Amino acid sequence: MAKYILKRVLMAVITLFIVTCLTFLLMNAIPGSPWLSEKTPTQATIDALNEKYGMDKPVLVQLGMYLEDILHGDFRVSIKMQKDRPVLDIILDMFPISAAIGSIAILWAILVGVPLGCLAAFKRGTWVDSLLRVICTLGISMPGFVVATILLYLFAGGIPDWKVFPTIFDGTWQSYILPCLALGFYPMCYLSRQTRTAMLDSINQEYIKTARAKGLKNKKIIFKHALRNALIPVITYLGPQIAFTLCGGFVVETVFSIPGLGRYFVSSIQNRDFPIIMGTTIFLAAFIIVMNLVVDLLYKLVDPRINLSKGGN
């Protein structure tokens, strides 16, 4: 196990290095400058700003300097949105809000999606199965901003005399409801469909037929035997999805004016605040890598037969 974890850590370092280099090079390949706006400064001012933030050097030299700064734990400072404020401080300030909303969203998605998937598999071919498949297909097909807009219309004043929740996030518990519902709706529908497919596959396995032949009750067969093996593809999906959800739904945070990391990342792209773009991208990539490692370790917990040292075969 220790050897496997060490190998994954080394792979993670290489992955982060590649992500950092690609993001930096692509970002600098885009035409334009962060200093250009409605009131364009003089060329002398632009040159002075480029020199101050090390942007007057060749791209590869800038990349080398940036990698060196990261190795020393320095993610540099914001050059535009919160000028000269350390990027790491901004991420640590914004992330807790996104993490709180994302945690609630992914929690209700799991608690609702997995049982619905089991129910659909158990009621295969009935109207219950058909209804759940229609709902899940709609949920997967609709973009996040459409779900958020529908919820705002229904429960935040779109219908006269039916304003239940605030339209803008203000930190109260009521303002968490709609963003969490909007952010968790897609993963809930996807989890439900994936659980249904995995459960149907498990139910048709020989060991399930043997369990039925021994006279075990359907409830015990479904939840103790079939569901345990069906959880493996579900866990695979949950790894990166949890990372994306906890880091904030970019569109959902923008719709509800949530001061989280997702909305701030979108604003940094629009304002070409390069250090924030780089810092947020690296943070998200690292989070996804960590969650994938956790997923691999959970495989072993769900199915002890899996041998991680041999790639799970």
Foldseek 3Di string as FASTA:
>chain_A
DVVLVVVLVVVLVVVLLVLLVVLLVVLVVDDDDLQDDPDRDDPVVVVVLCVVQVNPDDSVVVSVVCVVCVVVVFLFAFCPDPHRHGLVVLQVVFLVLLLVLLVLLQVVLVVQQLVLLLVLLVVPPDVSVVVLLVQLVVLQPDDLLVQLVVCCLQACCVDPPRNNAHLADDPDPRLSPSLSCSLNSNSSSVSSNLNNVQLNVLCPDPVVVVCVVVPDDPVCSRPPPSSLRSCLVVLQVVLLSSLCSSQHDLSSCVRRVPSHNSVVLVVCVVSVRPSNVSVSSSVSSSSSSVSNVVSLVVVCVSPVVQDVVVVRD
